[in-house]
Amino acid sequence: RISGDFFSDAFYLPWTRRNEKTADRTANEIIDYLGLRDVAT
């Protein structure tokens, strides 16, 4: 659900950083939703 390309990812452009934050936020929300917080790491 997150778009990207080789150039942006290789140079870690701003939208790549935004994509990573979105991925982290989404993953953490679902982990909490399914009761997996204690084993997340």
PDB file of all heavy atoms in Angstrom:
ATOM      1  N   ARG A   1       0.813  -1.218   0.000  1.00  0.00           N
ATOM      2  CA  ARG A   1       0.000   0.000   0.000  1.00  0.00           C
ATOM      3  C   ARG A   1       0.845   1.267   0.000  1.00  0.00           C
ATOM      4  O   ARG A   1       0.318   2.367   0.061  1.00  0.00           O
ATOM      5  CB  ARG A   1      -0.934  -0.005   1.218  1.00  0.00           C
ATOM      6  CG  ARG A   1      -0.205  -0.159   2.527  1.00  0.00           C
ATOM      7  CD  ARG A   1      -1.135  -0.543   3.656  1.00  0.00           C
ATOM      8  NE  ARG A   1      -1.700   0.619   4.322  1.00  0.00           N
ATOM      9  CZ  ARG A   1      -2.530   0.533   5.360  1.00  0.00           C
ATOM     10  NH1 ARG A   1      -2.929  -0.629   5.810  1.00  0.00           N
ATOM     11  NH2 ARG A   1      -2.986   1.615   5.942  1.00  0.00           N
ATOM     12  N   ILE A   2       2.180   1.111  -0.045  1.00  0.00           N
ATOM     13  CA  ILE A   2       3.083   2.266  -0.020  1.00  0.00           C
ATOM     14  C   ILE A   2       3.914   2.266  -1.291  1.00  0.00           C
ATOM     15  O   ILE A   2       4.566   1.285  -1.616  1.00  0.00           O
ATOM     16  CB  ILE A   2       4.004   2.216   1.212  1.00  0.00           C
ATOM     17  CG1 ILE A   2       3.174   2.351   2.495  1.00  0.00           C
ATOM     18  CG2 ILE A   2       5.054   3.312   1.139  1.00  0.00           C
ATOM     19  CD1 ILE A   2       3.986   2.195   3.760  1.00  0.00           C
ATOM     20  N   SER A   3       3.872   3.355  -2.028  1.00  0.00           N
ATOM     21  CA  SER A   3       4.622   3.446  -3.278  1.00  0.00           C
ATOM     22  C   SER A   3       6.068   3.860  -3.013  1.00  0.00           C
ATOM     23  O   SER A   3       6.378   4.538  -2.033  1.00  0.00           O
ATOM     24  CB  SER A   3       3.956   4.462  -4.219  1.00  0.00           C
ATOM     25  OG  SER A   3       3.929   5.747  -3.621  1.00  0.00           O
ATOM     26  N   GLY A   4       6.944   3.439  -3.895  1.00  0.00           N
ATOM     27  CA  GLY A   4       8.343   3.803  -3.789  1.00  0.00           C
ATOM     28  C   GLY A   4       9.054   3.476  -5.083  1.00  0.00           C
ATOM     29  O   GLY A   4       8.477   2.897  -6.000  1.00  0.00           O
ATOM     30  N   ASP A   5      10.309   3.851  -5.182  1.00  0.00           N
ATOM     31  CA  ASP A   5      11.109   3.517  -6.355  1.00  0.00           C
ATOM     32  C   ASP A   5      12.570   3.423  -5.935  1.00  0.00           C
ATOM     33  O   ASP A   5      12.950   3.867  -4.850  1.00  0.00           O
ATOM     34  CB  ASP A   5      10.927   4.565  -7.459  1.00  0.00           C
ATOM     35  CG  ASP A   5      11.314   5.959  -7.007  1.00  0.00           C
ATOM     36  OD1 ASP A   5      12.522   6.241  -6.903  1.00  0.00           O
ATOM     37  OD2 ASP A   5      10.404   6.778  -6.737  1.00  0.00           O
ATOM     38  N   PHE A   6      13.375   2.831  -6.808  1.00  0.00           N
ATOM     39  CA  PHE A   6      14.763   2.563  -6.462  1.00  0.00           C
ATOM     40  C   PHE A   6      15.518   3.849  -6.125  1.00  0.00           C
ATOM     41  O   PHE A   6      16.240   3.922  -5.135  1.00  0.00           O
ATOM     42  CB  PHE A   6      15.460   1.832  -7.617  1.00  0.00           C
ATOM     43  CG  PHE A   6      16.925   1.622  -7.385  1.00  0.00           C
ATOM     44  CD1 PHE A   6      17.372   0.570  -6.588  1.00  0.00           C
ATOM     45  CD2 PHE A   6      17.866   2.479  -7.944  1.00  0.00           C
ATOM     46  CE1 PHE A   6      18.727   0.382  -6.358  1.00  0.00           C
ATOM     47  CE2 PHE A   6      19.218   2.297  -7.712  1.00  0.00           C
ATOM     48  CZ  PHE A   6      19.645   1.236  -6.924  1.00  0.00           C
ATOM     49  N   PHE A   7      15.352   4.900  -6.934  1.00  0.00           N
ATOM     50  CA  PHE A   7      16.089   6.150  -6.724  1.00  0.00           C
ATOM     51  C   PHE A   7      15.748   6.770  -5.372  1.00  0.00           C
ATOM     52  O   PHE A   7      16.629   7.161  -4.607  1.00  0.00           O
ATOM     53  CB  PHE A   7      15.768   7.126  -7.856  1.00  0.00           C
ATOM     54  CG  PHE A   7      16.488   8.433  -7.747  1.00  0.00           C
ATOM     55  CD1 PHE A   7      17.780   8.581  -8.235  1.00  0.00           C
ATOM     56  CD2 PHE A   7      15.872   9.534  -7.155  1.00  0.00           C
ATOM     57  CE1 PHE A   7      18.450   9.795  -8.115  1.00  0.00           C
ATOM     58  CE2 PHE A   7      16.531  10.745  -7.039  1.00  0.00           C
ATOM     59  CZ  PHE A   7      17.825  10.871  -7.518  1.00  0.00           C
ATOM     60  N   SER A   8      14.431   6.866  -5.085  1.00  0.00           N
ATOM     61  CA  SER A   8      13.999   7.494  -3.831  1.00  0.00           C
ATOM     62  C   SER A   8      14.492   6.712  -2.625  1.00  0.00           C
ATOM     63  O   SER A   8      14.964   7.285  -1.637  1.00  0.00           O
ATOM     64  CB  SER A   8      12.472   7.581  -3.789  1.00  0.00           C
ATOM     65  OG  SER A   8      11.988   8.350  -4.863  1.00  0.00           O
ATOM     66  N   ASP A   9      14.396   5.363  -2.724  1.00  0.00           N
ATOM     67  CA  ASP A   9      14.816   4.544  -1.589  1.00  0.00           C
ATOM     68  C   ASP A   9      16.330   4.590  -1.411  1.00  0.00           C
ATOM     69  O   ASP A   9      16.833   4.639  -0.280  1.00  0.00           O
ATOM     70  CB  ASP A   9      14.366   3.094  -1.799  1.00  0.00           C
ATOM     71  CG  ASP A   9      12.847   2.960  -1.769  1.00  0.00           C
ATOM     72  OD1 ASP A   9      12.178   3.897  -1.294  1.00  0.00           O
ATOM     73  OD2 ASP A   9      12.337   1.915  -2.221  1.00  0.00           O
ATOM     74  N   ALA A  10      17.075   4.587  -2.518  1.00  0.00           N
ATOM     75  CA  ALA A  10      18.536   4.585  -2.430  1.00  0.00           C
ATOM     76  C   ALA A  10      19.060   5.863  -1.785  1.00  0.00           C
ATOM     77  O   ALA A  10      20.035   5.831  -1.019  1.00  0.00           O
ATOM     78  CB  ALA A  10      19.136   4.408  -3.822  1.00  0.00           C
ATOM     79  N   PHE A  11      18.421   6.993  -2.076  1.00  0.00           N
ATOM     80  CA  PHE A  11      18.887   8.284  -1.542  1.00  0.00           C
ATOM     81  C   PHE A  11      18.083   8.730  -0.327  1.00  0.00           C
ATOM     82  O   PHE A  11      18.283   9.831   0.176  1.00  0.00           O
ATOM     83  CB  PHE A  11      18.843   9.350  -2.638  1.00  0.00           C
ATOM     84  CG  PHE A  11      19.913   9.165  -3.681  1.00  0.00           C
ATOM     85  CD1 PHE A  11      19.653   8.446  -4.838  1.00  0.00           C
ATOM     86  CD2 PHE A  11      21.191   9.674  -3.482  1.00  0.00           C
ATOM     87  CE1 PHE A  11      20.630   8.253  -5.798  1.00  0.00           C
ATOM     88  CE2 PHE A  11      22.176   9.496  -4.439  1.00  0.00           C
ATOM     89  CZ  PHE A  11      21.910   8.776  -5.601  1.00  0.00           C
ATOM     90  N   TYR A  12      17.187   7.853   0.120  1.00  0.00           N
ATOM     91  CA  TYR A  12      16.398   8.104   1.335  1.00  0.00           C
ATOM     92  C   TYR A  12      15.765   9.498   1.296  1.00  0.00           C
ATOM     93  O   TYR A  12      15.940  10.330   2.187  1.00  0.00           O
ATOM     94  CB  TYR A  12      17.288   7.953   2.571  1.00  0.00           C
ATOM     95  CG  TYR A  12      16.521   7.659   3.824  1.00  0.00           C
ATOM     96  CD1 TYR A  12      15.625   6.601   3.868  1.00  0.00           C
ATOM     97  CD2 TYR A  12      16.696   8.441   4.961  1.00  0.00           C
ATOM     98  CE1 TYR A  12      14.914   6.320   5.027  1.00  0.00           C
ATOM     99  CE2 TYR A  12      15.999   8.174   6.124  1.00  0.00           C
ATOM    100  CZ  TYR A  12      15.104   7.117   6.154  1.00  0.00           C
ATOM    101  OH  TYR A  12      14.409   6.848   7.298  1.00  0.00           O
ATOM    102  N   LEU A  13      15.034   9.742   0.209  1.00  0.00           N
ATOM    103  CA  LEU A  13      14.386  11.036   0.011  1.00  0.00           C
ATOM    104  C   LEU A  13      13.241  11.225   1.002  1.00  0.00           C
ATOM    105  O   LEU A  13      12.786  10.273   1.641  1.00  0.00           O
ATOM    106  CB  LEU A  13      13.887  11.135  -1.426  1.00  0.00           C
ATOM    107  CG  LEU A  13      14.994  11.086  -2.495  1.00  0.00           C
ATOM    108  CD1 LEU A  13      14.407  11.193  -3.886  1.00  0.00           C
ATOM    109  CD2 LEU A  13      16.035  12.178  -2.253  1.00  0.00           C
ATOM    110  N   PRO A  14      12.748  12.478   1.145  1.00  0.00           N
ATOM    111  CA  PRO A  14      11.736  12.757   2.183  1.00  0.00           C
ATOM    112  C   PRO A  14      10.513  11.858   2.121  1.00  0.00           C
ATOM    113  O   PRO A  14      10.002  11.434   3.163  1.00  0.00           O
ATOM    114  CB  PRO A  14      11.369  14.222   1.902  1.00  0.00           C
ATOM    115  CG  PRO A  14      12.602  14.808   1.305  1.00  0.00           C
ATOM    116  CD  PRO A  14      13.193  13.713   0.464  1.00  0.00           C
ATOM    117  N   TRP A  15      10.013  11.560   0.905  1.00  0.00           N
ATOM    118  CA  TRP A  15       8.808  10.723   0.861  1.00  0.00           C
ATOM    119  C   TRP A  15       9.104   9.279   1.256  1.00  0.00           C
ATOM    120  O   TRP A  15       8.224   8.570   1.713  1.00  0.00           O
ATOM    121  CB  TRP A  15       8.136  10.797  -0.504  1.00  0.00           C
ATOM    122  CG  TRP A  15       9.037  10.657  -1.695  1.00  0.00           C
ATOM    123  CD1 TRP A  15       9.433   9.516  -2.298  1.00  0.00           C
ATOM    124  CD2 TRP A  15       9.648  11.730  -2.426  1.00  0.00           C
ATOM    125  NE1 TRP A  15      10.250   9.789  -3.361  1.00  0.00           N
ATOM    126  CE2 TRP A  15      10.401  11.145  -3.471  1.00  0.00           C
ATOM    127  CE3 TRP A  15       9.635  13.124  -2.302  1.00  0.00           C
ATOM    128  CZ2 TRP A  15      11.126  11.903  -4.385  1.00  0.00           C
ATOM    129  CZ3 TRP A  15      10.362  13.882  -3.206  1.00  0.00           C
ATOM    130  CH2 TRP A  15      11.093  13.269  -4.230  1.00  0.00           C
ATOM    131  N   THR A  16      10.382   8.861   1.094  1.00  0.00           N
ATOM    132  CA  THR A  16      10.751   7.537   1.591  1.00  0.00           C
ATOM    133  C   THR A  16      10.666   7.507   3.109  1.00  0.00           C
ATOM    134  O   THR A  16      10.175   6.538   3.705  1.00  0.00           O
ATOM    135  CB  THR A  16      12.174   7.169   1.144  1.00  0.00           C
ATOM    136  OG1 THR A  16      12.221   7.114  -0.292  1.00  0.00           O
ATOM    137  CG2 THR A  16      12.596   5.824   1.709  1.00  0.00           C
ATOM    138  N   ARG A  17      11.142   8.580   3.755  1.00  0.00           N
ATOM    139  CA  ARG A  17      11.049   8.658   5.218  1.00  0.00           C
ATOM    140  C   ARG A  17       9.596   8.707   5.664  1.00  0.00           C
ATOM    141  O   ARG A  17       9.223   8.079   6.665  1.00  0.00           O
ATOM    142  CB  ARG A  17      11.817   9.878   5.722  1.00  0.00           C
ATOM    143  CG  ARG A  17      13.318   9.780   5.509  1.00  0.00           C
ATOM    144  CD  ARG A  17      14.068  10.825   6.302  1.00  0.00           C
ATOM    145  NE  ARG A  17      13.845  12.173   5.796  1.00  0.00           N
ATOM    146  CZ  ARG A  17      14.564  12.728   4.823  1.00  0.00           C
ATOM    147  NH1 ARG A  17      15.534  12.016   4.231  1.00  0.00           N
ATOM    148  NH2 ARG A  17      14.325  13.961   4.427  1.00  0.00           N
ATOM    149  N   ARG A  18       8.766   9.421   4.906  1.00  0.00           N
ATOM    150  CA  ARG A  18       7.339   9.471   5.250  1.00  0.00           C
ATOM    151  C   ARG A  18       6.707   8.085   5.102  1.00  0.00           C
ATOM    152  O   ARG A  18       5.882   7.676   5.917  1.00  0.00           O
ATOM    153  CB  ARG A  18       6.614  10.485   4.367  1.00  0.00           C
ATOM    154  CG  ARG A  18       6.889  11.933   4.734  1.00  0.00           C
ATOM    155  CD  ARG A  18       5.877  12.871   4.106  1.00  0.00           C
ATOM    156  NE  ARG A  18       5.940  12.854   2.654  1.00  0.00           N
ATOM    157  CZ  ARG A  18       6.724  13.668   1.935  1.00  0.00           C
ATOM    158  NH1 ARG A  18       7.533  14.520   2.546  1.00  0.00           N
ATOM    159  NH2 ARG A  18       6.714  13.616   0.615  1.00  0.00           N
ATOM    160  N   ASN A  19       7.096   7.364   4.057  1.00  0.00           N
ATOM    161  CA  ASN A  19       6.572   6.013   3.869  1.00  0.00           C
ATOM    162  C   ASN A  19       6.950   5.098   5.028  1.00  0.00           C
ATOM    163  O   ASN A  19       6.143   4.283   5.488  1.00  0.00           O
ATOM    164  CB  ASN A  19       7.094   5.415   2.557  1.00  0.00           C
ATOM    165  CG  ASN A  19       6.382   5.975   1.332  1.00  0.00           C
ATOM    166  OD1 ASN A  19       5.323   6.591   1.440  1.00  0.00           O
ATOM    167  ND2 ASN A  19       6.957   5.753   0.166  1.00  0.00           N
ATOM    168  N   GLU A  20       8.192   5.218   5.499  1.00  0.00           N
ATOM    169  CA  GLU A  20       8.635   4.386   6.612  1.00  0.00           C
ATOM    170  C   GLU A  20       7.842   4.700   7.874  1.00  0.00           C
ATOM    171  O   GLU A  20       7.461   3.792   8.628  1.00  0.00           O
ATOM    172  CB  GLU A  20      10.127   4.595   6.861  1.00  0.00           C
ATOM    173  CG  GLU A  20      11.025   3.926   5.840  1.00  0.00           C
ATOM    174  CD  GLU A  20      12.476   3.913   6.282  1.00  0.00           C
ATOM    175  OE1 GLU A  20      12.775   4.479   7.362  1.00  0.00           O
ATOM    176  OE2 GLU A  20      13.305   3.329   5.564  1.00  0.00           O
ATOM    177  N   LYS A  21       7.572   5.976   8.114  1.00  0.00           N
ATOM    178  CA  LYS A  21       6.787   6.353   9.295  1.00  0.00           C
ATOM    179  C   LYS A  21       5.365   5.816   9.187  1.00  0.00           C
ATOM    180  O   LYS A  21       4.784   5.358  10.173  1.00  0.00           O
ATOM    181  CB  LYS A  21       6.782   7.876   9.460  1.00  0.00           C
ATOM    182  CG  LYS A  21       8.117   8.448   9.898  1.00  0.00           C
ATOM    183  CD  LYS A  21       8.054   9.957  10.039  1.00  0.00           C
ATOM    184  CE  LYS A  21       9.399  10.527  10.482  1.00  0.00           C
ATOM    185  NZ  LYS A  21       9.363  12.008  10.588  1.00  0.00           N
ATOM    186  N   THR A  22       4.809   5.877   7.973  1.00  0.00           N
ATOM    187  CA  THR A  22       3.465   5.337   7.757  1.00  0.00           C
ATOM    188  C   THR A  22       3.444   3.835   8.009  1.00  0.00           C
ATOM    189  O   THR A  22       2.524   3.308   8.653  1.00  0.00           O
ATOM    190  CB  THR A  22       2.992   5.629   6.321  1.00  0.00           C
ATOM    191  OG1 THR A  22       2.922   7.047   6.133  1.00  0.00           O
ATOM    192  CG2 THR A  22       1.612   5.025   6.076  1.00  0.00           C
ATOM    193  N   ALA A  23       4.464   3.134   7.511  1.00  0.00           N
ATOM    194  CA  ALA A  23       4.546   1.686   7.720  1.00  0.00           C
ATOM    195  C   ALA A  23       4.655   1.359   9.201  1.00  0.00           C
ATOM    196  O   ALA A  23       3.984   0.436   9.694  1.00  0.00           O
ATOM    197  CB  ALA A  23       5.733   1.111   6.951  1.00  0.00           C
ATOM    198  N   ASP A  24       5.484   2.101   9.923  1.00  0.00           N
ATOM    199  CA  ASP A  24       5.636   1.867  11.363  1.00  0.00           C
ATOM    200  C   ASP A  24       4.323   2.116  12.103  1.00  0.00           C
ATOM    201  O   ASP A  24       3.932   1.338  12.977  1.00  0.00           O
ATOM    202  CB  ASP A  24       6.722   2.770  11.938  1.00  0.00           C
ATOM    203  CG  ASP A  24       8.127   2.294  11.596  1.00  0.00           C
ATOM    204  OD1 ASP A  24       8.281   1.100  11.287  1.00  0.00           O
ATOM    205  OD2 ASP A  24       9.049   3.120  11.629  1.00  0.00           O
ATOM    206  N   ARG A  25       3.655   3.205  11.752  1.00  0.00           N
ATOM    207  CA  ARG A  25       2.405   3.555  12.427  1.00  0.00           C
ATOM    208  C   ARG A  25       1.347   2.486  12.175  1.00  0.00           C
ATOM    209  O   ARG A  25       0.642   2.046  13.090  1.00  0.00           O
ATOM    210  CB  ARG A  25       1.928   4.921  11.952  1.00  0.00           C
ATOM    211  CG  ARG A  25       0.689   5.432  12.668  1.00  0.00           C
ATOM    212  CD  ARG A  25       0.463   6.902  12.375  1.00  0.00           C
ATOM    213  NE  ARG A  25       0.337   7.167  10.955  1.00  0.00           N
ATOM    214  CZ  ARG A  25       1.241   7.833  10.229  1.00  0.00           C
ATOM    215  NH1 ARG A  25       2.352   8.264  10.786  1.00  0.00           N
ATOM    216  NH2 ARG A  25       1.042   8.055   8.943  1.00  0.00           N
ATOM    217  N   THR A  26       1.233   2.054  10.918  1.00  0.00           N
ATOM    218  CA  THR A  26       0.243   1.031  10.567  1.00  0.00           C
ATOM    219  C   THR A  26       0.543  -0.283  11.270  1.00  0.00           C
ATOM    220  O   THR A  26      -0.352  -0.919  11.854  1.00  0.00           O
ATOM    221  CB  THR A  26       0.241   0.805   9.046  1.00  0.00           C
ATOM    222  OG1 THR A  26      -0.130   2.021   8.389  1.00  0.00           O
ATOM    223  CG2 THR A  26      -0.740  -0.289   8.660  1.00  0.00           C
ATOM    224  N   ALA A  27       1.804  -0.726  11.214  1.00  0.00           N
ATOM    225  CA  ALA A  27       2.181  -1.996  11.825  1.00  0.00           C
ATOM    226  C   ALA A  27       1.933  -1.989  13.329  1.00  0.00           C
ATOM    227  O   ALA A  27       1.407  -2.958  13.886  1.00  0.00           O
ATOM    228  CB  ALA A  27       3.644  -2.313  11.524  1.00  0.00           C
ATOM    229  N   ASN A  28       2.280  -0.895  13.976  1.00  0.00           N
ATOM    230  CA  ASN A  28       2.096  -0.819  15.426  1.00  0.00           C
ATOM    231  C   ASN A  28       0.619  -0.779  15.808  1.00  0.00           C
ATOM    232  O   ASN A  28       0.220  -1.366  16.823  1.00  0.00           O
ATOM    233  CB  ASN A  28       2.832   0.402  15.985  1.00  0.00           C
ATOM    234  CG  ASN A  28       4.311   0.133  16.210  1.00  0.00           C
ATOM    235  OD1 ASN A  28       4.681  -0.642  17.089  1.00  0.00           O
ATOM    236  ND2 ASN A  28       5.155   0.768  15.406  1.00  0.00           N
ATOM    237  N   GLU A  29      -0.182  -0.121  15.008  1.00  0.00           N
ATOM    238  CA  GLU A  29      -1.629  -0.092  15.289  1.00  0.00           C
ATOM    239  C   GLU A  29      -2.219  -1.495  15.211  1.00  0.00           C
ATOM    240  O   GLU A  29      -3.013  -1.898  16.073  1.00  0.00           O
ATOM    241  CB  GLU A  29      -2.336   0.838  14.292  1.00  0.00           C
ATOM    242  CG  GLU A  29      -3.832   1.016  14.552  1.00  0.00           C
ATOM    243  CD  GLU A  29      -4.683  -0.029  13.860  1.00  0.00           C
ATOM    244  OE1 GLU A  29      -4.334  -0.428  12.729  1.00  0.00           O
ATOM    245  OE2 GLU A  29      -5.707  -0.452  14.451  1.00  0.00           O
ATOM    246  N   ILE A  30      -1.824  -2.267  14.195  1.00  0.00           N
ATOM    247  CA  ILE A  30      -2.359  -3.613  14.030  1.00  0.00           C
ATOM    248  C   ILE A  30      -1.828  -4.546  15.119  1.00  0.00           C
ATOM    249  O   ILE A  30      -2.559  -5.411  15.627  1.00  0.00           O
ATOM    250  CB  ILE A  30      -2.031  -4.139  12.623  1.00  0.00           C
ATOM    251  CG1 ILE A  30      -2.802  -3.324  11.576  1.00  0.00           C
ATOM    252  CG2 ILE A  30      -2.381  -5.620  12.486  1.00  0.00           C
ATOM    253  CD1 ILE A  30      -2.391  -3.595  10.164  1.00  0.00           C
ATOM    254  N   ILE A  31      -0.576  -4.387  15.492  1.00  0.00           N
ATOM    255  CA  ILE A  31      -0.010  -5.181  16.585  1.00  0.00           C
ATOM    256  C   ILE A  31      -0.799  -4.957  17.871  1.00  0.00           C
ATOM    257  O   ILE A  31      -1.141  -5.911  18.596  1.00  0.00           O
ATOM    258  CB  ILE A  31       1.483  -4.843  16.759  1.00  0.00           C
ATOM    259  CG1 ILE A  31       2.304  -5.571  15.689  1.00  0.00           C
ATOM    260  CG2 ILE A  31       1.977  -5.207  18.151  1.00  0.00           C
ATOM    261  CD1 ILE A  31       3.751  -5.162  15.639  1.00  0.00           C
ATOM    262  N   ASP A  32      -1.129  -3.713  18.172  1.00  0.00           N
ATOM    263  CA  ASP A  32      -1.942  -3.425  19.355  1.00  0.00           C
ATOM    264  C   ASP A  32      -3.337  -4.005  19.205  1.00  0.00           C
ATOM    265  O   ASP A  32      -3.905  -4.564  20.157  1.00  0.00           O
ATOM    266  CB  ASP A  32      -2.026  -1.914  19.585  1.00  0.00           C
ATOM    267  CG  ASP A  32      -0.713  -1.325  20.081  1.00  0.00           C
ATOM    268  OD1 ASP A  32       0.076  -2.071  20.691  1.00  0.00           O
ATOM    269  OD2 ASP A  32      -0.475  -0.129  19.846  1.00  0.00           O
ATOM    270  N   TYR A  33      -3.910  -3.889  18.018  1.00  0.00           N
ATOM    271  CA  TYR A  33      -5.268  -4.356  17.772  1.00  0.00           C
ATOM    272  C   TYR A  33      -5.385  -5.857  18.004  1.00  0.00           C
ATOM    273  O   TYR A  33      -6.395  -6.340  18.547  1.00  0.00           O
ATOM    274  CB  TYR A  33      -5.665  -4.006  16.333  1.00  0.00           C
ATOM    275  CG  TYR A  33      -7.066  -4.424  15.958  1.00  0.00           C
ATOM    276  CD1 TYR A  33      -8.175  -3.730  16.433  1.00  0.00           C
ATOM    277  CD2 TYR A  33      -7.281  -5.516  15.120  1.00  0.00           C
ATOM    278  CE1 TYR A  33      -9.461  -4.121  16.088  1.00  0.00           C
ATOM    279  CE2 TYR A  33      -8.560  -5.913  14.776  1.00  0.00           C
ATOM    280  CZ  TYR A  33      -9.646  -5.212  15.260  1.00  0.00           C
ATOM    281  OH  TYR A  33     -10.922  -5.598  14.925  1.00  0.00           O
ATOM    282  N   LEU A  34      -4.360  -6.617  17.622  1.00  0.00           N
ATOM    283  CA  LEU A  34      -4.406  -8.072  17.747  1.00  0.00           C
ATOM    284  C   LEU A  34      -3.718  -8.583  19.015  1.00  0.00           C
ATOM    285  O   LEU A  34      -3.506  -9.793  19.163  1.00  0.00           O
ATOM    286  CB  LEU A  34      -3.782  -8.728  16.520  1.00  0.00           C
ATOM    287  CG  LEU A  34      -4.586  -8.587  15.219  1.00  0.00           C
ATOM    288  CD1 LEU A  34      -3.891  -9.296  14.073  1.00  0.00           C
ATOM    289  CD2 LEU A  34      -6.003  -9.144  15.389  1.00  0.00           C
ATOM    290  N   GLY A  35      -3.379  -7.671  19.929  1.00  0.00           N
ATOM    291  CA  GLY A  35      -2.831  -8.098  21.211  1.00  0.00           C
ATOM    292  C   GLY A  35      -1.444  -8.688  21.138  1.00  0.00           C
ATOM    293  O   GLY A  35      -1.110  -9.592  21.908  1.00  0.00           O
ATOM    294  N   LEU A  36      -0.610  -8.165  20.245  1.00  0.00           N
ATOM    295  CA  LEU A  36       0.741  -8.693  20.054  1.00  0.00           C
ATOM    296  C   LEU A  36       1.832  -7.774  20.617  1.00  0.00           C
ATOM    297  O   LEU A  36       3.017  -8.008  20.367  1.00  0.00           O
ATOM    298  CB  LEU A  36       0.999  -8.936  18.557  1.00  0.00           C
ATOM    299  CG  LEU A  36       0.199 -10.065  17.910  1.00  0.00           C
ATOM    300  CD1 LEU A  36       0.290  -9.976  16.382  1.00  0.00           C
ATOM    301  CD2 LEU A  36       0.697 -11.425  18.393  1.00  0.00           C
ATOM    302  N   ARG A  37       1.447  -6.746  21.366  1.00  0.00           N
ATOM    303  CA  ARG A  37       2.427  -5.772  21.816  1.00  0.00           C
ATOM    304  C   ARG A  37       3.536  -6.406  22.650  1.00  0.00           C
ATOM    305  O   ARG A  37       4.720  -6.050  22.508  1.00  0.00           O
ATOM    306  CB  ARG A  37       1.719  -4.678  22.635  1.00  0.00           C
ATOM    307  CG  ARG A  37       2.636  -3.624  23.264  1.00  0.00           C
ATOM    308  CD  ARG A  37       3.578  -2.970  22.277  1.00  0.00           C
ATOM    309  NE  ARG A  37       2.852  -2.373  21.169  1.00  0.00           N
ATOM    310  CZ  ARG A  37       3.419  -1.977  20.040  1.00  0.00           C
ATOM    311  NH1 ARG A  37       4.720  -2.166  19.851  1.00  0.00           N
ATOM    312  NH2 ARG A  37       2.707  -1.424  19.085  1.00  0.00           N
ATOM    313  N   ASP A  38       3.214  -7.356  23.497  1.00  0.00           N
ATOM    314  CA  ASP A  38       4.223  -7.945  24.383  1.00  0.00           C
ATOM    315  C   ASP A  38       5.288  -8.730  23.625  1.00  0.00           C
ATOM    316  O   ASP A  38       6.375  -8.982  24.169  1.00  0.00           O
ATOM    317  CB  ASP A  38       3.557  -8.876  25.409  1.00  0.00           C
ATOM    318  CG  ASP A  38       2.753  -8.113  26.449  1.00  0.00           C
ATOM    319  OD1 ASP A  38       2.913  -6.882  26.542  1.00  0.00           O
ATOM    320  OD2 ASP A  38       1.952  -8.753  27.165  1.00  0.00           O
ATOM    321  N   VAL A  39       4.993  -9.135  22.393  1.00  0.00           N
ATOM    322  CA  VAL A  39       5.965  -9.922  21.621  1.00  0.00           C
ATOM    323  C   VAL A  39       6.425  -9.181  20.360  1.00  0.00           C
ATOM    324  O   VAL A  39       7.038  -9.774  19.476  1.00  0.00           O
ATOM    325  CB  VAL A  39       5.384 -11.300  21.221  1.00  0.00           C
ATOM    326  CG1 VAL A  39       5.114 -12.141  22.468  1.00  0.00           C
ATOM    327  CG2 VAL A  39       4.113 -11.159  20.391  1.00  0.00           C
ATOM    328  N   ALA A  40       6.159  -7.888  20.280  1.00  0.00           N
ATOM    329  CA  ALA A  40       6.438  -7.131  19.053  1.00  0.00           C
ATOM    330  C   ALA A  40       7.897  -7.183  18.644  1.00  0.00           C
ATOM    331  O   ALA A  40       8.215  -7.194  17.446  1.00  0.00           O
ATOM    332  CB  ALA A  40       5.992  -5.675  19.218  1.00  0.00           C
ATOM    333  N   THR A  41       8.808  -7.224  19.613  1.00  0.00           N
ATOM    334  CA  THR A  41      10.238  -7.228  19.288  1.00  0.00           C
ATOM    335  C   THR A  41      10.817  -8.644  19.285  1.00  0.00           C
ATOM    336  O   THR A  41      12.015  -8.819  19.040  1.00  0.00           O
ATOM    337  CB  THR A  41      11.018  -6.350  20.275  1.00  0.00           C
ATOM    338  OG1 THR A  41      10.820  -6.849  21.605  1.00  0.00           O
ATOM    339  CG2 THR A  41      10.555  -4.899  20.194  1.00  0.00           C
TER     340      THR A  41
END
